Amino acid sequence: MIFRAHSLGRENRKKSATEWEALPFGTMLAPQVVSPASGTGFKVGSAVAVSVSAISSSGFADPGAGTQIQIATDAGFTNIAAAYDGAYATSWTSTALSSVGTYYIRARHKGATLGWSPWSAASAFSVAAAVGTASFTSSATWTAPYSATFSVFACGGGGGGGCGGS
């Protein structure tokens, strides 16, 4: 819906027909984070594929002009771990998240006429250490499935007995 408006000038006169302005009537609605679903778990070093609902407004259709998506380590979004701030989009893949913990995600869209929507409700997901095995190629060289701190226990050899037994 669009309303026509006019203003009175300093001389208290109406603007001419060419001075009329179209003023939009409506508000941007907050998008929803579609994925990852709240409570989803990821491994350290994983990128997060994010999907958000399409732009929506009350009053009239406003084409998308921008999107912001933030992933933070705190619910107040003061420590941003990854972010998108660019052209209108409904999907984005973050950089790899390198710390274990709970992360929070939110998004908003910008309408070409109405400006920024409110932020979506925050959704939480977790990042945990990957579980895997280490491959030993010699006593001095080995590889692991990710970067972390390891405890290595070397047990017996050759003659039986194994670890911790006699």
Foldseek 3Di string as FASTA:
>chain_A
DKDKDWDQDPVRDTDDPVPIDIDADKAWAAKAWPPPAFAAEAEQFAKGKTFIDATDMPRDDFDFAWKKKFKAQDQVRPGTPWMDTGGDDGIDITGGHHDWHKIKMWMWTQGPRRGIHDIYRIGIYTYYHDDDDKDDPDPVDIDDPDDDDDDDDDWDDDPDQTPPGD
